[in-house]
Amino acid sequence: MTLREVIEQYILWRQAHGAKFTTGANLLRHFLGYADGDATCDAVTTTQVLAFLSGKRSLARHRENKYYALAGFWRYAISRGHATRSPLPNSEPKSPPRTPPYIYSRDELRRLLDPATVASSRRGAVQLDAVTFRTLLLLLYGAGLRFSEATRLTLADVDLTEDVLTIRATKFYKNRLVPIGPQLATVLANYMPLRRRGGLAQGETSFLVANRDGTRLASSTVQAAFDALRRIAGVHGTAGGRQIPRLHDLRHSFAVHSLTAWYRQGADVQRLLPVLSTYLGHSDLEGTKVYLSMTPELLQQASLRFARYAGGGENA
């Protein structure tokens, strides 16, 4: 088989196993601009790989993504007998560690979600009205949803009788059911007549939160609205400007706040961690474990729990 054929076979294999693999597929197809796609996999040289990997900065995150896309492909090609060796360099410098997500404080969340503040941030808005915007923010934090999951929700996906959301076609091509708490359920119940009076479509396939014309919310529109809201609410991040708080950090804050609450309640967090992982739609437990060391408060709660255990105050 040619390099091009094996790459396409590998992409289909990854997608058949539940990965969207959009970025990886694009990178591998882009690699064909540096190597002969009509030749065999073994015809690829290390020089061609290095040319593909090169960029303005040797430690750029994009370079790392390219390297891992090729590494995964060659493991597959060698295991299937399409290649006898890997042309990748023996070692690749590691990128700097990712900046940890911003975890909003309870006070910051109150300011961001204050109805009057949200309304002020959307004054004169053409498409995204204040009520819809606040409902979206509450979905991101209250249910820990990804932006794409929240904006893809249709009316058919919202069951307010059982207080459950159906999340379809997630990051890993899996559907999942997300139970919601009474506060978020009340928000959604109150929002339904408001969106109806606003003239939004009422069919089962209509988006739950949408622009005034019923179209799906665009990330650029919502991000601009969130930036304006942060400025009005006075949420600027930590001293020293470690990073700008992001919209996606509402989901991370939900996870950390859930774990903190469990520790305070004396719950068995290790037993509940897989529950949180499933709730968030993570592909494995490793993606959820990172939250355990994300804030000083959470570390303090874990330390207190361990101290009680070590002193014989409770069972592990």
C-alpha atoms as a PDB file:
ATOM      1  CA  MET A   1       0.000   0.000   0.000  1.00  0.00           C
ATOM      2  CA  THR A   2       1.101   3.572  -0.589  1.00  0.00           C
ATOM      3  CA  LEU A   3       1.740   6.064   2.196  1.00  0.00           C
ATOM      4  CA  ARG A   4      -1.426   7.948   1.232  1.00  0.00           C
ATOM      5  CA  GLU A   5      -3.549   4.791   1.384  1.00  0.00           C
ATOM      6  CA  VAL A   6      -2.166   3.733   4.770  1.00  0.00           C
ATOM      7  CA  ILE A   7      -2.774   7.207   6.183  1.00  0.00           C
ATOM      8  CA  GLU A   8      -6.419   7.105   5.070  1.00  0.00           C
ATOM      9  CA  GLN A   9      -6.779   3.588   6.470  1.00  0.00           C
ATOM     10  CA  TYR A  10      -5.331   4.751   9.798  1.00  0.00           C
ATOM     11  CA  ILE A  11      -7.698   7.742   9.952  1.00  0.00           C
ATOM     12  CA  LEU A  12     -10.706   5.466   9.391  1.00  0.00           C
ATOM     13  CA  TRP A  13      -9.379   3.065  12.045  1.00  0.00           C
ATOM     14  CA  ARG A  14      -9.039   5.842  14.635  1.00  0.00           C
ATOM     15  CA  GLN A  15     -12.520   7.175  13.891  1.00  0.00           C
ATOM     16  CA  ALA A  16     -14.023   3.676  14.020  1.00  0.00           C
ATOM     17  CA  HIS A  17     -12.658   3.395  17.562  1.00  0.00           C
ATOM     18  CA  GLY A  18     -14.517   6.484  18.758  1.00  0.00           C
ATOM     19  CA  ALA A  19     -12.098   9.342  18.103  1.00  0.00           C
ATOM     20  CA  LYS A  20     -13.125  12.303  15.972  1.00  0.00           C
ATOM     21  CA  PHE A  21      -9.455  12.629  15.019  1.00  0.00           C
ATOM     22  CA  THR A  22     -10.091  15.749  12.948  1.00  0.00           C
ATOM     23  CA  THR A  23      -6.867  17.542  13.852  1.00  0.00           C
ATOM     24  CA  GLY A  24      -4.741  14.409  13.539  1.00  0.00           C
ATOM     25  CA  ALA A  25      -6.251  13.584  10.152  1.00  0.00           C
ATOM     26  CA  ASN A  26      -5.560  17.092   8.864  1.00  0.00           C
ATOM     27  CA  LEU A  27      -1.957  16.957  10.080  1.00  0.00           C
ATOM     28  CA  LEU A  28      -1.300  13.579   8.467  1.00  0.00           C
ATOM     29  CA  ARG A  29      -2.782  14.714   5.162  1.00  0.00           C
ATOM     30  CA  HIS A  30      -0.705  17.864   5.377  1.00  0.00           C
ATOM     31  CA  PHE A  31       2.385  15.671   5.832  1.00  0.00           C
ATOM     32  CA  LEU A  32       1.822  14.364   2.292  1.00  0.00           C
ATOM     33  CA  GLY A  33       3.069  17.751   1.109  1.00  0.00           C
ATOM     34  CA  TYR A  34       6.500  16.802   2.489  1.00  0.00           C
ATOM     35  CA  ALA A  35       6.647  13.146   1.472  1.00  0.00           C
ATOM     36  CA  ASP A  36       5.661  11.174  -1.616  1.00  0.00           C
ATOM     37  CA  GLY A  37       2.180   9.858  -0.931  1.00  0.00           C
ATOM     38  CA  ASP A  38       2.438   7.388  -3.798  1.00  0.00           C
ATOM     39  CA  ALA A  39       5.572   5.760  -2.352  1.00  0.00           C
ATOM     40  CA  THR A  40       5.699   3.235   0.463  1.00  0.00           C
ATOM     41  CA  CYS A  41       5.847   4.155   4.148  1.00  0.00           C
ATOM     42  CA  ASP A  42       9.471   2.993   4.321  1.00  0.00           C
ATOM     43  CA  ALA A  43      10.405   5.529   1.615  1.00  0.00           C
ATOM     44  CA  VAL A  44       9.813   8.389   4.047  1.00  0.00           C
ATOM     45  CA  THR A  45      13.042   9.883   5.399  1.00  0.00           C
ATOM     46  CA  THR A  46      13.877  11.548   8.702  1.00  0.00           C
ATOM     47  CA  THR A  47      14.794  14.677   6.725  1.00  0.00           C
ATOM     48  CA  GLN A  48      11.238  14.861   5.371  1.00  0.00           C
ATOM     49  CA  VAL A  49       9.812  14.398   8.864  1.00  0.00           C
ATOM     50  CA  LEU A  50      12.017  17.155  10.287  1.00  0.00           C
ATOM     51  CA  ALA A  51      10.976  19.500   7.484  1.00  0.00           C
ATOM     52  CA  PHE A  52       7.336  18.835   8.381  1.00  0.00           C
ATOM     53  CA  LEU A  53       7.975  19.350  12.089  1.00  0.00           C
ATOM     54  CA  SER A  54       9.955  22.550  11.718  1.00  0.00           C
ATOM     55  CA  GLY A  55       8.317  25.816  12.657  1.00  0.00           C
ATOM     56  CA  LYS A  56       9.082  29.271  13.983  1.00  0.00           C
ATOM     57  CA  ARG A  57       9.651  27.876  17.471  1.00  0.00           C
ATOM     58  CA  SER A  58      11.078  24.423  18.143  1.00  0.00           C
ATOM     59  CA  LEU A  59       8.964  24.042  21.270  1.00  0.00           C
ATOM     60  CA  ALA A  60       5.684  25.199  19.742  1.00  0.00           C
ATOM     61  CA  ARG A  61       2.617  23.213  20.741  1.00  0.00           C
ATOM     62  CA  HIS A  62       1.774  22.729  17.066  1.00  0.00           C
ATOM     63  CA  ARG A  63       5.094  20.930  16.540  1.00  0.00           C
ATOM     64  CA  GLU A  64       4.303  18.563  19.383  1.00  0.00           C
ATOM     65  CA  ASN A  65       0.885  17.820  17.890  1.00  0.00           C
ATOM     66  CA  LYS A  66       2.524  17.011  14.555  1.00  0.00           C
ATOM     67  CA  TYR A  67       5.050  14.729  16.209  1.00  0.00           C
ATOM     68  CA  TYR A  68       2.425  12.735  18.093  1.00  0.00           C
ATOM     69  CA  ALA A  69       0.224  12.451  15.002  1.00  0.00           C
ATOM     70  CA  LEU A  70       3.132  10.908  13.093  1.00  0.00           C
ATOM     71  CA  ALA A  71       4.178   8.715  16.041  1.00  0.00           C
ATOM     72  CA  GLY A  72       0.707   7.222  16.319  1.00  0.00           C
ATOM     73  CA  PHE A  73       0.531   6.662  12.583  1.00  0.00           C
ATOM     74  CA  TRP A  74       3.870   4.851  12.436  1.00  0.00           C
ATOM     75  CA  ARG A  75       3.018   2.618  15.377  1.00  0.00           C
ATOM     76  CA  TYR A  76      -0.067   1.596  13.428  1.00  0.00           C
ATOM     77  CA  ALA A  77       1.806   1.172  10.121  1.00  0.00           C
ATOM     78  CA  ILE A  78       4.520  -1.006  11.687  1.00  0.00           C
ATOM     79  CA  SER A  79       2.008  -3.146  13.619  1.00  0.00           C
ATOM     80  CA  ARG A  80       0.057  -3.794  10.396  1.00  0.00           C
ATOM     81  CA  GLY A  81       3.132  -4.625   8.328  1.00  0.00           C
ATOM     82  CA  HIS A  82       2.944  -1.503   6.157  1.00  0.00           C
ATOM     83  CA  ALA A  83       6.308  -0.251   7.469  1.00  0.00           C
ATOM     84  CA  THR A  84       9.401  -1.859   8.968  1.00  0.00           C
ATOM     85  CA  ARG A  85      10.780   1.207  10.728  1.00  0.00           C
ATOM     86  CA  SER A  86       9.872   4.679  11.921  1.00  0.00           C
ATOM     87  CA  PRO A  87      11.538   7.719  10.309  1.00  0.00           C
ATOM     88  CA  LEU A  88      10.821   9.914  13.343  1.00  0.00           C
ATOM     89  CA  PRO A  89      13.806  11.358  15.246  1.00  0.00           C
ATOM     90  CA  ASN A  90      14.689   9.355  18.350  1.00  0.00           C
ATOM     91  CA  SER A  91      13.850  12.215  20.681  1.00  0.00           C
ATOM     92  CA  GLU A  92      11.676  15.292  20.419  1.00  0.00           C
ATOM     93  CA  PRO A  93      11.916  18.214  22.863  1.00  0.00           C
ATOM     94  CA  LYS A  94       8.955  18.541  25.150  1.00  0.00           C
ATOM     95  CA  SER A  95       6.733  21.555  24.913  1.00  0.00           C
ATOM     96  CA  PRO A  96       6.373  23.780  27.966  1.00  0.00           C
ATOM     97  CA  PRO A  97       3.636  22.526  30.324  1.00  0.00           C
ATOM     98  CA  ARG A  98       0.151  23.695  29.497  1.00  0.00           C
ATOM     99  CA  THR A  99      -1.116  26.639  31.485  1.00  0.00           C
ATOM    100  CA  PRO A 100      -3.592  25.276  34.051  1.00  0.00           C
ATOM    101  CA  PRO A 101      -7.216  26.336  33.641  1.00  0.00           C
ATOM    102  CA  TYR A 102      -8.581  29.268  35.567  1.00  0.00           C
ATOM    103  CA  ILE A 103     -10.862  28.191  38.417  1.00  0.00           C
ATOM    104  CA  TYR A 104     -13.463  30.834  39.156  1.00  0.00           C
ATOM    105  CA  SER A 105     -14.169  31.690  42.767  1.00  0.00           C
ATOM    106  CA  ARG A 106     -17.734  31.586  44.040  1.00  0.00           C
ATOM    107  CA  ASP A 107     -17.743  35.384  44.222  1.00  0.00           C
ATOM    108  CA  GLU A 108     -16.561  35.692  40.614  1.00  0.00           C
ATOM    109  CA  LEU A 109     -19.298  33.319  39.496  1.00  0.00           C
ATOM    110  CA  ARG A 110     -21.930  35.347  41.327  1.00  0.00           C
ATOM    111  CA  ARG A 111     -20.748  38.477  39.537  1.00  0.00           C
ATOM    112  CA  LEU A 112     -20.593  36.800  36.137  1.00  0.00           C
ATOM    113  CA  LEU A 113     -24.044  35.247  36.476  1.00  0.00           C
ATOM    114  CA  ASP A 114     -25.811  38.241  37.994  1.00  0.00           C
ATOM    115  CA  PRO A 115     -28.827  38.887  35.707  1.00  0.00           C
ATOM    116  CA  ALA A 116     -28.362  42.671  35.801  1.00  0.00           C
ATOM    117  CA  THR A 117     -24.681  42.396  34.891  1.00  0.00           C
ATOM    118  CA  VAL A 118     -25.414  39.989  32.027  1.00  0.00           C
ATOM    119  CA  ALA A 119     -28.169  42.302  30.767  1.00  0.00           C
ATOM    120  CA  SER A 120     -25.769  45.257  30.877  1.00  0.00           C
ATOM    121  CA  SER A 121     -23.198  43.331  28.835  1.00  0.00           C
ATOM    122  CA  ARG A 122     -25.765  42.543  26.105  1.00  0.00           C
ATOM    123  CA  ARG A 123     -27.309  46.002  25.788  1.00  0.00           C
ATOM    124  CA  GLY A 124     -27.814  46.695  22.077  1.00  0.00           C
ATOM    125  CA  ALA A 125     -26.943  43.129  21.044  1.00  0.00           C
ATOM    126  CA  VAL A 126     -28.282  42.134  17.642  1.00  0.00           C
ATOM    127  CA  GLN A 127     -28.389  38.350  17.949  1.00  0.00           C
ATOM    128  CA  LEU A 128     -27.485  36.912  21.368  1.00  0.00           C
ATOM    129  CA  ASP A 129     -29.925  38.245  23.963  1.00  0.00           C
ATOM    130  CA  ALA A 130     -29.134  38.461  27.684  1.00  0.00           C
ATOM    131  CA  VAL A 131     -31.488  35.707  28.852  1.00  0.00           C
ATOM    132  CA  THR A 132     -30.145  33.211  26.325  1.00  0.00           C
ATOM    133  CA  PHE A 133     -26.561  34.177  27.133  1.00  0.00           C
ATOM    134  CA  ARG A 134     -27.049  33.680  30.873  1.00  0.00           C
ATOM    135  CA  THR A 135     -28.809  30.359  30.278  1.00  0.00           C
ATOM    136  CA  LEU A 136     -25.840  29.197  28.231  1.00  0.00           C
ATOM    137  CA  LEU A 137     -23.398  30.205  30.975  1.00  0.00           C
ATOM    138  CA  LEU A 138     -25.443  28.325  33.552  1.00  0.00           C
ATOM    139  CA  LEU A 139     -25.400  25.217  31.339  1.00  0.00           C
ATOM    140  CA  LEU A 140     -21.615  25.405  31.029  1.00  0.00           C
ATOM    141  CA  TYR A 141     -21.094  25.759  34.761  1.00  0.00           C
ATOM    142  CA  GLY A 142     -24.181  24.049  36.209  1.00  0.00           C
ATOM    143  CA  ALA A 143     -23.844  20.901  34.082  1.00  0.00           C
ATOM    144  CA  GLY A 144     -20.135  21.066  33.249  1.00  0.00           C
ATOM    145  CA  LEU A 145     -20.821  20.968  29.525  1.00  0.00           C
ATOM    146  CA  ARG A 146     -18.408  21.704  26.712  1.00  0.00           C
ATOM    147  CA  PHE A 147     -19.384  24.734  24.608  1.00  0.00           C
ATOM    148  CA  SER A 148     -20.151  22.543  21.586  1.00  0.00           C
ATOM    149  CA  GLU A 149     -22.344  20.260  23.706  1.00  0.00           C
ATOM    150  CA  ALA A 150     -24.385  23.123  25.155  1.00  0.00           C
ATOM    151  CA  THR A 151     -24.909  24.870  21.828  1.00  0.00           C
ATOM    152  CA  ARG A 152     -25.853  21.609  20.106  1.00  0.00           C
ATOM    153  CA  LEU A 153     -28.659  20.831  22.579  1.00  0.00           C
ATOM    154  CA  THR A 154     -32.109  20.724  21.001  1.00  0.00           C
ATOM    155  CA  LEU A 155     -35.493  20.884  22.686  1.00  0.00           C
ATOM    156  CA  ALA A 156     -35.739  17.109  22.297  1.00  0.00           C
ATOM    157  CA  ASP A 157     -32.570  16.727  24.365  1.00  0.00           C
ATOM    158  CA  VAL A 158     -34.059  18.455  27.412  1.00  0.00           C
ATOM    159  CA  ASP A 159     -36.245  16.330  29.692  1.00  0.00           C
ATOM    160  CA  LEU A 160     -37.499  18.544  32.507  1.00  0.00           C
ATOM    161  CA  THR A 161     -39.757  15.785  33.813  1.00  0.00           C
ATOM    162  CA  GLU A 162     -36.741  13.695  34.778  1.00  0.00           C
ATOM    163  CA  ASP A 163     -34.292  16.664  34.890  1.00  0.00           C
ATOM    164  CA  VAL A 164     -31.929  15.041  32.419  1.00  0.00           C
ATOM    165  CA  LEU A 165     -30.061  16.362  29.383  1.00  0.00           C
ATOM    166  CA  THR A 166     -29.123  14.081  26.490  1.00  0.00           C
ATOM    167  CA  ILE A 167     -25.707  14.999  25.113  1.00  0.00           C
ATOM    168  CA  ARG A 168     -25.310  13.663  21.593  1.00  0.00           C
ATOM    169  CA  ALA A 169     -22.263  13.194  19.345  1.00  0.00           C
ATOM    170  CA  THR A 170     -19.778  14.278  21.986  1.00  0.00           C
ATOM    171  CA  LYS A 171     -16.034  14.709  21.646  1.00  0.00           C
ATOM    172  CA  PHE A 172     -15.622  10.916  21.506  1.00  0.00           C
ATOM    173  CA  TYR A 173     -18.710  10.150  19.393  1.00  0.00           C
ATOM    174  CA  LYS A 174     -20.641   8.931  22.416  1.00  0.00           C
ATOM    175  CA  ASN A 175     -24.047   9.957  23.715  1.00  0.00           C
ATOM    176  CA  ARG A 176     -24.504  10.404  27.441  1.00  0.00           C
ATOM    177  CA  LEU A 177     -27.226  11.375  29.888  1.00  0.00           C
ATOM    178  CA  VAL A 178     -26.465  14.285  32.217  1.00  0.00           C
ATOM    179  CA  PRO A 179     -28.722  14.666  35.275  1.00  0.00           C
ATOM    180  CA  ILE A 180     -29.100  18.293  36.327  1.00  0.00           C
ATOM    181  CA  GLY A 181     -29.753  19.786  39.738  1.00  0.00           C
ATOM    182  CA  PRO A 182     -32.969  21.517  40.800  1.00  0.00           C
ATOM    183  CA  GLN A 183     -31.543  25.033  40.368  1.00  0.00           C
ATOM    184  CA  LEU A 184     -30.493  24.488  36.760  1.00  0.00           C
ATOM    185  CA  ALA A 185     -33.746  22.642  36.061  1.00  0.00           C
ATOM    186  CA  THR A 186     -35.675  25.673  37.331  1.00  0.00           C
ATOM    187  CA  VAL A 187     -33.587  27.991  35.138  1.00  0.00           C
ATOM    188  CA  LEU A 188     -34.373  25.900  32.064  1.00  0.00           C
ATOM    189  CA  ALA A 189     -38.070  25.625  32.958  1.00  0.00           C
ATOM    190  CA  ASN A 190     -38.274  29.418  33.261  1.00  0.00           C
ATOM    191  CA  TYR A 191     -36.342  29.881  30.032  1.00  0.00           C
ATOM    192  CA  MET A 192     -38.713  27.783  27.896  1.00  0.00           C
ATOM    193  CA  PRO A 193     -41.622  30.291  27.817  1.00  0.00           C
ATOM    194  CA  LEU A 194     -39.171  33.173  27.372  1.00  0.00           C
ATOM    195  CA  ARG A 195     -37.610  31.635  24.266  1.00  0.00           C
ATOM    196  CA  ARG A 196     -41.110  30.915  22.951  1.00  0.00           C
ATOM    197  CA  ARG A 197     -42.164  34.547  23.437  1.00  0.00           C
ATOM    198  CA  GLY A 198     -38.924  35.583  21.776  1.00  0.00           C
ATOM    199  CA  GLY A 199     -40.077  33.876  18.602  1.00  0.00           C
ATOM    200  CA  LEU A 200     -37.566  31.016  18.591  1.00  0.00           C
ATOM    201  CA  ALA A 201     -38.609  27.837  16.795  1.00  0.00           C
ATOM    202  CA  GLN A 202     -40.413  25.258  18.921  1.00  0.00           C
ATOM    203  CA  GLY A 203     -39.721  22.077  16.960  1.00  0.00           C
ATOM    204  CA  GLU A 204     -37.944  19.202  18.669  1.00  0.00           C
ATOM    205  CA  THR A 205     -34.859  19.732  16.518  1.00  0.00           C
ATOM    206  CA  SER A 206     -34.673  23.466  17.357  1.00  0.00           C
ATOM    207  CA  PHE A 207     -31.626  24.577  19.330  1.00  0.00           C
ATOM    208  CA  LEU A 208     -32.297  25.155  23.016  1.00  0.00           C
ATOM    209  CA  VAL A 209     -30.072  28.241  23.163  1.00  0.00           C
ATOM    210  CA  ALA A 210     -29.822  30.084  19.867  1.00  0.00           C
ATOM    211  CA  ASN A 211     -29.473  33.413  18.145  1.00  0.00           C
ATOM    212  CA  ARG A 212     -32.609  35.481  17.735  1.00  0.00           C
ATOM    213  CA  ASP A 213     -33.011  34.049  14.217  1.00  0.00           C
ATOM    214  CA  GLY A 214     -32.833  30.477  15.566  1.00  0.00           C
ATOM    215  CA  THR A 215     -29.368  29.701  14.227  1.00  0.00           C
ATOM    216  CA  ARG A 216     -26.762  27.945  16.325  1.00  0.00           C
ATOM    217  CA  LEU A 217     -24.581  30.156  18.503  1.00  0.00           C
ATOM    218  CA  ALA A 218     -21.104  30.759  17.088  1.00  0.00           C
ATOM    219  CA  SER A 219     -18.104  30.537  19.398  1.00  0.00           C
ATOM    220  CA  SER A 220     -16.796  33.909  18.175  1.00  0.00           C
ATOM    221  CA  THR A 221     -20.081  35.630  19.064  1.00  0.00           C
ATOM    222  CA  VAL A 222     -20.246  34.087  22.520  1.00  0.00           C
ATOM    223  CA  GLN A 223     -16.560  34.679  23.226  1.00  0.00           C
ATOM    224  CA  ALA A 224     -16.914  38.380  22.419  1.00  0.00           C
ATOM    225  CA  ALA A 225     -19.975  38.549  24.681  1.00  0.00           C
ATOM    226  CA  PHE A 226     -18.095  36.778  27.479  1.00  0.00           C
ATOM    227  CA  ASP A 227     -15.111  39.115  27.197  1.00  0.00           C
ATOM    228  CA  ALA A 228     -17.458  42.092  27.583  1.00  0.00           C
ATOM    229  CA  LEU A 229     -19.176  40.442  30.545  1.00  0.00           C
ATOM    230  CA  ARG A 230     -15.863  39.764  32.309  1.00  0.00           C
ATOM    231  CA  ARG A 231     -14.863  43.403  31.984  1.00  0.00           C
ATOM    232  CA  ILE A 232     -18.160  44.644  33.407  1.00  0.00           C
ATOM    233  CA  ALA A 233     -18.108  42.029  36.207  1.00  0.00           C
ATOM    234  CA  GLY A 234     -14.491  42.846  37.056  1.00  0.00           C
ATOM    235  CA  VAL A 235     -13.196  39.299  36.549  1.00  0.00           C
ATOM    236  CA  HIS A 236      -9.665  39.687  35.228  1.00  0.00           C
ATOM    237  CA  GLY A 237      -7.749  36.687  36.515  1.00  0.00           C
ATOM    238  CA  THR A 238      -5.039  36.388  39.120  1.00  0.00           C
ATOM    239  CA  ALA A 239      -2.471  39.013  40.007  1.00  0.00           C
ATOM    240  CA  GLY A 240       0.426  38.989  37.595  1.00  0.00           C
ATOM    241  CA  GLY A 241      -1.759  38.122  34.622  1.00  0.00           C
ATOM    242  CA  ARG A 242      -1.159  34.369  34.631  1.00  0.00           C
ATOM    243  CA  GLN A 243      -3.888  34.008  32.028  1.00  0.00           C
ATOM    244  CA  ILE A 244      -7.189  35.425  30.895  1.00  0.00           C
ATOM    245  CA  PRO A 245     -10.138  33.473  32.355  1.00  0.00           C
ATOM    246  CA  ARG A 246     -11.848  31.592  29.533  1.00  0.00           C
ATOM    247  CA  LEU A 247     -15.390  30.521  28.791  1.00  0.00           C
ATOM    248  CA  HIS A 248     -14.283  26.865  28.870  1.00  0.00           C
ATOM    249  CA  ASP A 249     -12.983  27.371  32.410  1.00  0.00           C
ATOM    250  CA  LEU A 250     -16.593  27.343  33.624  1.00  0.00           C
ATOM    251  CA  ARG A 251     -16.569  23.595  32.941  1.00  0.00           C
ATOM    252  CA  HIS A 252     -13.264  23.156  34.787  1.00  0.00           C
ATOM    253  CA  SER A 253     -14.623  25.187  37.702  1.00  0.00           C
ATOM    254  CA  PHE A 254     -17.670  22.918  37.892  1.00  0.00           C
ATOM    255  CA  ALA A 255     -15.403  19.870  38.207  1.00  0.00           C
ATOM    256  CA  VAL A 256     -13.149  21.392  40.876  1.00  0.00           C
ATOM    257  CA  HIS A 257     -16.064  22.763  42.886  1.00  0.00           C
ATOM    258  CA  SER A 258     -17.775  19.345  42.766  1.00  0.00           C
ATOM    259  CA  LEU A 259     -14.660  17.619  44.109  1.00  0.00           C
ATOM    260  CA  THR A 260     -14.197  20.251  46.810  1.00  0.00           C
ATOM    261  CA  ALA A 261     -17.796  19.824  47.935  1.00  0.00           C
ATOM    262  CA  TRP A 262     -17.365  16.040  48.122  1.00  0.00           C
ATOM    263  CA  TYR A 263     -14.245  16.386  50.261  1.00  0.00           C
ATOM    264  CA  ARG A 264     -16.036  18.772  52.606  1.00  0.00           C
ATOM    265  CA  GLN A 265     -18.914  16.319  52.931  1.00  0.00           C
ATOM    266  CA  GLY A 266     -16.498  13.522  53.805  1.00  0.00           C
ATOM    267  CA  ALA A 267     -17.478  11.521  50.709  1.00  0.00           C
ATOM    268  CA  ASP A 268     -15.283   8.799  49.208  1.00  0.00           C
ATOM    269  CA  VAL A 269     -13.788  10.943  46.435  1.00  0.00           C
ATOM    270  CA  GLN A 270     -11.761   8.103  44.890  1.00  0.00           C
ATOM    271  CA  ARG A 271     -14.958   6.099  44.479  1.00  0.00           C
ATOM    272  CA  LEU A 272     -16.826   9.085  43.061  1.00  0.00           C
ATOM    273  CA  LEU A 273     -14.086  10.117  40.643  1.00  0.00           C
ATOM    274  CA  PRO A 274     -15.249   7.670  37.917  1.00  0.00           C
ATOM    275  CA  VAL A 275     -18.774   9.077  38.337  1.00  0.00           C
ATOM    276  CA  LEU A 276     -17.499  12.594  37.662  1.00  0.00           C
ATOM    277  CA  SER A 277     -15.468  11.292  34.715  1.00  0.00           C
ATOM    278  CA  THR A 278     -18.558   9.737  33.151  1.00  0.00           C
ATOM    279  CA  TYR A 279     -20.636  12.843  33.874  1.00  0.00           C
ATOM    280  CA  LEU A 280     -18.095  15.068  32.121  1.00  0.00           C
ATOM    281  CA  GLY A 281     -17.808  12.698  29.164  1.00  0.00           C
ATOM    282  CA  HIS A 282     -14.085  12.027  29.594  1.00  0.00           C
ATOM    283  CA  SER A 283     -12.630   9.141  27.602  1.00  0.00           C
ATOM    284  CA  ASP A 284     -10.690   7.853  30.613  1.00  0.00           C
ATOM    285  CA  LEU A 285     -10.081   8.586  34.278  1.00  0.00           C
ATOM    286  CA  GLU A 286      -6.750  10.342  33.679  1.00  0.00           C
ATOM    287  CA  GLY A 287      -8.529  13.358  32.215  1.00  0.00           C
ATOM    288  CA  THR A 288     -10.470  13.734  35.468  1.00  0.00           C
ATOM    289  CA  LYS A 289      -7.658  13.058  37.943  1.00  0.00           C
ATOM    290  CA  VAL A 290      -5.908  16.297  36.965  1.00  0.00           C
ATOM    291  CA  TYR A 291      -8.609  18.229  38.827  1.00  0.00           C
ATOM    292  CA  LEU A 292      -7.478  16.737  42.142  1.00  0.00           C
ATOM    293  CA  SER A 293      -4.490  19.085  42.350  1.00  0.00           C
ATOM    294  CA  MET A 294      -5.912  22.129  40.630  1.00  0.00           C
ATOM    295  CA  THR A 295      -6.504  24.567  43.502  1.00  0.00           C
ATOM    296  CA  PRO A 296      -4.973  25.196  46.939  1.00  0.00           C
ATOM    297  CA  GLU A 297      -8.403  24.728  48.518  1.00  0.00           C
ATOM    298  CA  LEU A 298      -8.822  21.316  46.950  1.00  0.00           C
ATOM    299  CA  LEU A 299      -5.335  20.269  48.018  1.00  0.00           C
ATOM    300  CA  GLN A 300      -6.095  21.470  51.533  1.00  0.00           C
ATOM    301  CA  GLN A 301      -9.318  19.461  51.657  1.00  0.00           C
ATOM    302  CA  ALA A 302      -7.463  16.359  50.433  1.00  0.00           C
ATOM    303  CA  SER A 303      -4.738  16.899  53.046  1.00  0.00           C
ATOM    304  CA  LEU A 304      -7.303  17.254  55.831  1.00  0.00           C
ATOM    305  CA  ARG A 305      -8.990  14.071  54.640  1.00  0.00           C
ATOM    306  CA  PHE A 306      -5.678  12.203  54.675  1.00  0.00           C
ATOM    307  CA  ALA A 307      -4.798  13.571  58.125  1.00  0.00           C
ATOM    308  CA  ARG A 308      -8.103  12.299  59.532  1.00  0.00           C
ATOM    309  CA  TYR A 309      -7.494   8.917  57.891  1.00  0.00           C
ATOM    310  CA  ALA A 310      -3.893   8.698  59.166  1.00  0.00           C
ATOM    311  CA  GLY A 311      -5.126   9.574  62.656  1.00  0.00           C
ATOM    312  CA  GLY A 312      -7.690   6.790  62.555  1.00  0.00           C
ATOM    313  CA  GLY A 313     -10.623   9.165  62.242  1.00  0.00           C
ATOM    314  CA  GLU A 314     -12.146   7.508  59.212  1.00  0.00           C
ATOM    315  CA  ASN A 315     -11.735   4.547  56.905  1.00  0.00           C
ATOM    316  CA  ALA A 316     -10.183   4.821  53.466  1.00  0.00           C
END
